[in-house]
Amino acid sequence: MSVVEEINLENLYPLDSMELLDPMQIENAKKEVENEKTESIISVIQYNGIHLILEGIYKVIAYARLGRAKIGVQVIDRKNLSFWSIDSNVSSQLKYLGKNALYDFEAISGIKYAVFPKEYTGDK
């Protein structure tokens, strides 16, 4: 089951490396967002109370660059996702990405995080 809710952009965190992002797709997403009649819903999963972008990272960046503060997200129950249902898989991915992924995401999107979750920093 999934739930749709409005969330502040600074409460969305990447699940992928920023090195993999295609600058052309960011620009295309921005154009799509500018021409949308209805807002795209971004898919996220929750882990330890944080929202991780599962699908739609290009749209999140586009919304942020256009000055949006909140967007609609669909919270996917990660128990239904084979890989992401396992806590150690999520934990390993976030530790692998580290704080640098958050710094990179801030630079690319313009989103400024008030807090870097401990899951990225390895802090206890």
N, C-alpha and C. Protein backbone atom coordinates (compact mmCIF):
# COMPACT_ATOMS: atom_id res chain seq x y z
N MET A 1 0.84 -1.18 0.00
CA MET A 1 0.00 0.00 0.00
C MET A 1 0.88 1.24 0.00
N SER A 2 0.43 2.30 -0.66
CA SER A 2 1.19 3.53 -0.69
C SER A 2 0.30 4.69 -0.25
N VAL A 3 0.93 5.71 0.27
CA VAL A 3 0.24 6.87 0.79
C VAL A 3 0.78 8.10 0.08
N VAL A 4 -0.11 9.03 -0.31
CA VAL A 4 0.35 10.28 -0.93
C VAL A 4 0.28 11.38 0.12
N GLU A 5 1.36 12.13 0.24
CA GLU A 5 1.41 13.24 1.20
C GLU A 5 2.25 14.37 0.65
N GLU A 6 2.02 15.57 1.16
CA GLU A 6 2.84 16.73 0.81
C GLU A 6 4.04 16.76 1.75
N ILE A 7 5.21 17.05 1.20
CA ILE A 7 6.42 17.06 2.03
C ILE A 7 7.33 18.19 1.58
N ASN A 8 8.04 18.76 2.53
CA ASN A 8 9.04 19.79 2.21
C ASN A 8 10.20 19.16 1.47
N LEU A 9 10.69 19.87 0.47
CA LEU A 9 11.80 19.34 -0.32
C LEU A 9 13.03 19.03 0.52
N GLU A 10 13.27 19.83 1.56
CA GLU A 10 14.46 19.59 2.38
C GLU A 10 14.32 18.36 3.26
N ASN A 11 13.18 17.68 3.17
CA ASN A 11 13.00 16.43 3.90
C ASN A 11 13.07 15.21 2.98
N LEU A 12 13.53 15.43 1.75
CA LEU A 12 13.73 14.34 0.79
C LEU A 12 15.23 14.13 0.60
N TYR A 13 15.64 12.88 0.65
CA TYR A 13 17.07 12.57 0.56
C TYR A 13 17.33 11.60 -0.58
N PRO A 14 18.49 11.74 -1.24
CA PRO A 14 18.81 10.87 -2.39
C PRO A 14 19.15 9.44 -1.97
N LEU A 15 18.83 8.55 -2.86
CA LEU A 15 19.12 7.12 -2.67
C LEU A 15 20.17 6.67 -3.69
N ASP A 16 20.56 7.61 -4.55
CA ASP A 16 21.54 7.31 -5.61
C ASP A 16 22.66 8.33 -5.60
N SER A 17 23.77 7.96 -6.19
CA SER A 17 24.91 8.84 -6.33
C SER A 17 24.59 9.95 -7.33
N MET A 18 25.05 11.15 -7.03
CA MET A 18 24.83 12.28 -7.93
C MET A 18 25.71 12.17 -9.18
N GLU A 19 26.75 11.35 -9.10
CA GLU A 19 27.64 11.15 -10.25
C GLU A 19 26.90 10.51 -11.42
N LEU A 20 25.82 9.81 -11.13
CA LEU A 20 25.07 9.10 -12.16
C LEU A 20 24.04 9.98 -12.86
N LEU A 21 23.83 11.20 -12.36
CA LEU A 21 22.81 12.07 -12.93
C LEU A 21 23.26 12.64 -14.28
N ASP A 22 22.32 12.71 -15.19
CA ASP A 22 22.55 13.26 -16.53
C ASP A 22 22.06 14.70 -16.56
N PRO A 23 22.96 15.67 -16.76
CA PRO A 23 22.55 17.08 -16.78
C PRO A 23 21.44 17.38 -17.79
N MET A 24 21.44 16.67 -18.91
CA MET A 24 20.40 16.89 -19.92
C MET A 24 19.03 16.45 -19.40
N GLN A 25 19.00 15.36 -18.64
CA GLN A 25 17.73 14.91 -18.07
C GLN A 25 17.22 15.88 -17.01
N ILE A 26 18.13 16.55 -16.31
CA ILE A 26 17.72 17.57 -15.34
C ILE A 26 17.02 18.71 -16.07
N GLU A 27 17.62 19.17 -17.17
CA GLU A 27 17.01 20.26 -17.95
C GLU A 27 15.67 19.83 -18.56
N ASN A 28 15.60 18.60 -19.05
CA ASN A 28 14.34 18.09 -19.60
C ASN A 28 13.26 18.02 -18.54
N ALA A 29 13.62 17.58 -17.35
CA ALA A 29 12.66 17.50 -16.24
C ALA A 29 12.17 18.89 -15.86
N LYS A 30 13.07 19.86 -15.89
CA LYS A 30 12.68 21.24 -15.57
C LYS A 30 11.66 21.76 -16.57
N LYS A 31 11.88 21.48 -17.85
CA LYS A 31 10.93 21.91 -18.88
C LYS A 31 9.58 21.21 -18.69
N GLU A 32 9.62 19.92 -18.38
CA GLU A 32 8.38 19.16 -18.15
C GLU A 32 7.60 19.75 -16.98
N VAL A 33 8.31 20.04 -15.89
CA VAL A 33 7.67 20.57 -14.69
C VAL A 33 7.06 21.94 -14.97
N GLU A 34 7.77 22.77 -15.73
CA GLU A 34 7.26 24.10 -16.06
C GLU A 34 5.96 24.01 -16.86
N ASN A 35 5.80 22.96 -17.66
CA ASN A 35 4.63 22.82 -18.53
C ASN A 35 3.55 21.90 -17.97
N GLU A 36 3.74 21.40 -16.77
CA GLU A 36 2.77 20.47 -16.18
C GLU A 36 1.47 21.19 -15.83
N LYS A 37 0.38 20.49 -16.07
CA LYS A 37 -0.91 20.99 -15.62
C LYS A 37 -1.21 20.44 -14.23
N THR A 38 -0.72 19.25 -13.94
CA THR A 38 -0.83 18.68 -12.60
C THR A 38 0.57 18.24 -12.17
N GLU A 39 0.81 18.37 -10.89
CA GLU A 39 2.12 18.04 -10.33
C GLU A 39 2.41 16.55 -10.43
N SER A 40 3.64 16.22 -10.77
CA SER A 40 4.09 14.83 -10.75
C SER A 40 4.22 14.37 -9.31
N ILE A 41 3.90 13.11 -9.09
CA ILE A 41 4.08 12.53 -7.76
C ILE A 41 5.41 11.78 -7.74
N ILE A 42 6.20 12.07 -6.74
CA ILE A 42 7.52 11.46 -6.58
C ILE A 42 7.36 10.23 -5.67
N SER A 43 8.02 9.13 -6.02
CA SER A 43 7.96 7.92 -5.20
C SER A 43 9.10 7.91 -4.20
N VAL A 44 8.76 7.67 -2.94
CA VAL A 44 9.77 7.62 -1.88
C VAL A 44 9.53 6.39 -1.02
N ILE A 45 10.57 6.01 -0.31
CA ILE A 45 10.44 5.01 0.75
C ILE A 45 10.87 5.67 2.05
N GLN A 46 10.43 5.12 3.16
CA GLN A 46 10.85 5.63 4.46
C GLN A 46 11.78 4.62 5.12
N TYR A 47 12.80 5.19 5.77
CA TYR A 47 13.74 4.37 6.52
C TYR A 47 14.17 5.18 7.73
N ASN A 48 13.95 4.66 8.90
CA ASN A 48 14.30 5.36 10.15
C ASN A 48 13.75 6.79 10.18
N GLY A 49 12.56 6.97 9.63
CA GLY A 49 11.91 8.27 9.67
C GLY A 49 12.33 9.26 8.60
N ILE A 50 13.22 8.87 7.71
CA ILE A 50 13.60 9.78 6.62
C ILE A 50 12.99 9.30 5.31
N HIS A 51 12.70 10.26 4.43
CA HIS A 51 12.13 9.96 3.12
C HIS A 51 13.24 9.90 2.08
N LEU A 52 13.35 8.77 1.42
CA LEU A 52 14.39 8.54 0.42
C LEU A 52 13.75 8.48 -0.96
N ILE A 53 14.31 9.22 -1.90
CA ILE A 53 13.75 9.32 -3.25
C ILE A 53 14.00 8.02 -3.99
N LEU A 54 12.93 7.31 -4.28
CA LEU A 54 13.00 6.05 -5.01
C LEU A 54 12.92 6.31 -6.51
N GLU A 55 11.96 7.11 -6.92
CA GLU A 55 11.79 7.49 -8.34
C GLU A 55 11.42 8.95 -8.41
N GLY A 56 12.03 9.66 -9.36
CA GLY A 56 11.68 11.06 -9.57
C GLY A 56 12.72 12.06 -9.13
N ILE A 57 13.96 11.62 -9.00
CA ILE A 57 14.99 12.55 -8.51
C ILE A 57 15.16 13.74 -9.45
N TYR A 58 15.00 13.53 -10.76
CA TYR A 58 15.13 14.64 -11.71
C TYR A 58 14.02 15.66 -11.49
N LYS A 59 12.82 15.18 -11.20
CA LYS A 59 11.69 16.10 -10.95
C LYS A 59 11.89 16.84 -9.63
N VAL A 60 12.43 16.17 -8.62
CA VAL A 60 12.71 16.83 -7.34
C VAL A 60 13.68 17.99 -7.58
N ILE A 61 14.74 17.73 -8.33
CA ILE A 61 15.71 18.78 -8.64
C ILE A 61 15.04 19.92 -9.40
N ALA A 62 14.21 19.57 -10.37
CA ALA A 62 13.52 20.59 -11.17
C ALA A 62 12.61 21.45 -10.29
N TYR A 63 11.81 20.80 -9.44
CA TYR A 63 10.93 21.56 -8.55
C TYR A 63 11.75 22.48 -7.65
N ALA A 64 12.86 21.98 -7.12
CA ALA A 64 13.71 22.79 -6.25
C ALA A 64 14.27 23.99 -7.00
N ARG A 65 14.75 23.78 -8.21
CA ARG A 65 15.32 24.87 -8.99
C ARG A 65 14.26 25.91 -9.37
N LEU A 66 13.01 25.50 -9.41
CA LEU A 66 11.92 26.42 -9.72
C LEU A 66 11.34 27.07 -8.46
N GLY A 67 11.95 26.78 -7.32
CA GLY A 67 11.57 27.47 -6.10
C GLY A 67 10.43 26.85 -5.31
N ARG A 68 10.05 25.64 -5.65
CA ARG A 68 8.98 24.98 -4.89
C ARG A 68 9.48 24.60 -3.51
N ALA A 69 8.62 24.73 -2.51
CA ALA A 69 8.99 24.36 -1.14
C ALA A 69 8.49 22.97 -0.79
N LYS A 70 7.31 22.61 -1.32
CA LYS A 70 6.68 21.31 -1.02
C LYS A 70 6.25 20.64 -2.31
N ILE A 71 6.25 19.31 -2.27
CA ILE A 71 5.72 18.54 -3.40
C ILE A 71 4.97 17.31 -2.86
N GLY A 72 4.17 16.75 -3.74
CA GLY A 72 3.46 15.52 -3.39
C GLY A 72 4.37 14.33 -3.58
N VAL A 73 4.37 13.46 -2.60
CA VAL A 73 5.14 12.22 -2.70
C VAL A 73 4.22 11.04 -2.43
N GLN A 74 4.54 9.95 -3.07
CA GLN A 74 3.86 8.69 -2.81
C GLN A 74 4.81 7.84 -1.98
N VAL A 75 4.41 7.56 -0.76
CA VAL A 75 5.24 6.76 0.13
C VAL A 75 4.96 5.30 -0.17
N ILE A 76 5.95 4.63 -0.71
CA ILE A 76 5.84 3.21 -1.07
C ILE A 76 6.24 2.37 0.13
N ASP A 77 5.45 1.37 0.41
CA ASP A 77 5.78 0.44 1.50
C ASP A 77 6.97 -0.41 1.06
N ARG A 78 8.12 -0.17 1.66
CA ARG A 78 9.32 -0.87 1.20
C ARG A 78 9.30 -2.36 1.49
N LYS A 79 8.38 -2.81 2.32
CA LYS A 79 8.24 -4.25 2.56
C LYS A 79 7.84 -4.98 1.28
N ASN A 80 7.28 -4.24 0.33
CA ASN A 80 6.87 -4.83 -0.94
C ASN A 80 7.96 -4.77 -2.00
N LEU A 81 9.12 -4.24 -1.65
CA LEU A 81 10.24 -4.10 -2.58
C LEU A 81 11.36 -5.02 -2.11
N SER A 82 11.66 -6.02 -2.88
CA SER A 82 12.57 -7.07 -2.41
C SER A 82 13.89 -6.53 -1.86
N PHE A 83 14.60 -5.73 -2.62
CA PHE A 83 15.90 -5.24 -2.17
C PHE A 83 15.76 -4.26 -1.01
N TRP A 84 14.89 -3.26 -1.16
CA TRP A 84 14.75 -2.20 -0.17
C TRP A 84 14.02 -2.64 1.08
N SER A 85 13.41 -3.82 1.08
CA SER A 85 12.72 -4.29 2.28
C SER A 85 13.70 -4.73 3.37
N ILE A 86 14.94 -4.94 3.01
CA ILE A 86 15.96 -5.41 3.95
C ILE A 86 16.72 -4.20 4.52
N ASP A 87 16.60 -3.99 5.82
CA ASP A 87 17.22 -2.83 6.47
C ASP A 87 18.71 -2.70 6.16
N SER A 88 19.42 -3.81 6.18
CA SER A 88 20.88 -3.73 5.95
C SER A 88 21.20 -3.25 4.53
N ASN A 89 20.34 -3.53 3.56
CA ASN A 89 20.56 -3.03 2.20
C ASN A 89 20.42 -1.51 2.14
N VAL A 90 19.40 -0.99 2.81
CA VAL A 90 19.20 0.46 2.83
C VAL A 90 20.35 1.12 3.59
N SER A 91 20.67 0.58 4.75
CA SER A 91 21.76 1.13 5.57
C SER A 91 23.08 1.14 4.80
N SER A 92 23.40 0.06 4.14
CA SER A 92 24.65 -0.03 3.36
C SER A 92 24.68 1.00 2.24
N GLN A 93 23.56 1.17 1.56
CA GLN A 93 23.50 2.14 0.46
C GLN A 93 23.73 3.56 0.96
N LEU A 94 23.11 3.92 2.07
CA LEU A 94 23.26 5.28 2.59
C LEU A 94 24.67 5.52 3.11
N LYS A 95 25.25 4.53 3.76
CA LYS A 95 26.64 4.67 4.22
C LYS A 95 27.59 4.77 3.03
N TYR A 96 27.30 4.00 1.97
CA TYR A 96 28.12 4.06 0.76
C TYR A 96 28.07 5.46 0.14
N LEU A 97 26.87 6.04 0.08
CA LEU A 97 26.72 7.37 -0.49
C LEU A 97 27.42 8.42 0.37
N GLY A 98 27.25 8.32 1.67
CA GLY A 98 27.89 9.24 2.59
C GLY A 98 27.41 10.67 2.50
N LYS A 99 28.00 11.50 3.33
CA LYS A 99 27.64 12.92 3.38
C LYS A 99 27.91 13.63 2.06
N ASN A 100 28.90 13.17 1.32
CA ASN A 100 29.22 13.83 0.06
C ASN A 100 28.04 13.82 -0.90
N ALA A 101 27.24 12.76 -0.89
CA ALA A 101 26.06 12.70 -1.75
C ALA A 101 25.08 13.81 -1.37
N LEU A 102 24.99 14.10 -0.08
CA LEU A 102 24.09 15.17 0.36
C LEU A 102 24.63 16.54 -0.03
N TYR A 103 25.94 16.73 0.11
CA TYR A 103 26.55 17.99 -0.34
C TYR A 103 26.33 18.17 -1.85
N ASP A 104 26.55 17.10 -2.60
CA ASP A 104 26.37 17.16 -4.06
C ASP A 104 24.91 17.46 -4.41
N PHE A 105 23.98 16.81 -3.72
CA PHE A 105 22.56 17.02 -4.00
C PHE A 105 22.16 18.46 -3.69
N GLU A 106 22.70 19.01 -2.60
CA GLU A 106 22.44 20.42 -2.28
C GLU A 106 22.95 21.32 -3.40
N ALA A 107 24.15 21.05 -3.89
CA ALA A 107 24.74 21.88 -4.94
C ALA A 107 23.94 21.79 -6.24
N ILE A 108 23.50 20.60 -6.59
CA ILE A 108 22.78 20.40 -7.85
C ILE A 108 21.36 20.95 -7.78
N SER A 109 20.69 20.74 -6.66
CA SER A 109 19.27 21.08 -6.56
C SER A 109 19.00 22.46 -5.98
N GLY A 110 19.91 22.94 -5.14
CA GLY A 110 19.66 24.19 -4.43
C GLY A 110 18.96 23.96 -3.09
N ILE A 111 18.61 22.70 -2.79
CA ILE A 111 18.01 22.36 -1.50
C ILE A 111 19.09 22.46 -0.43
N LYS A 112 18.75 23.05 0.71
CA LYS A 112 19.69 23.14 1.82
C LYS A 112 19.14 22.32 2.98
N TYR A 113 19.90 21.33 3.40
CA TYR A 113 19.48 20.47 4.50
C TYR A 113 19.81 21.11 5.83
N ALA A 114 18.85 21.09 6.73
CA ALA A 114 19.10 21.55 8.10
C ALA A 114 19.85 20.47 8.87
N VAL A 115 19.60 19.23 8.49
CA VAL A 115 20.18 18.08 9.20
C VAL A 115 20.66 17.05 8.18
N PHE A 116 21.83 16.49 8.44
CA PHE A 116 22.30 15.35 7.67
C PHE A 116 22.01 14.11 8.50
N PRO A 117 21.11 13.26 8.03
CA PRO A 117 20.77 12.07 8.82
C PRO A 117 21.99 11.22 9.13
N LYS A 118 21.98 10.65 10.33
CA LYS A 118 23.09 9.82 10.78
C LYS A 118 23.31 8.62 9.88
N GLU A 119 22.28 8.19 9.18
CA GLU A 119 22.41 7.05 8.28
C GLU A 119 23.43 7.32 7.16
N TYR A 120 23.60 8.58 6.78
CA TYR A 120 24.58 8.94 5.76
C TYR A 120 25.96 9.18 6.36
N THR A 121 26.00 9.61 7.59
CA THR A 121 27.27 9.99 8.19
C THR A 121 27.97 8.84 8.91
N GLY A 122 27.21 7.79 9.24
CA GLY A 122 27.78 6.68 9.97
C GLY A 122 27.82 6.93 11.46
N ASP A 123 27.31 8.11 11.91
CA ASP A 123 27.26 8.40 13.34
C ASP A 123 26.24 7.50 14.02
N LYS A 124 26.43 7.26 15.27
CA LYS A 124 25.49 6.44 16.05
C LYS A 124 24.45 7.30 16.70
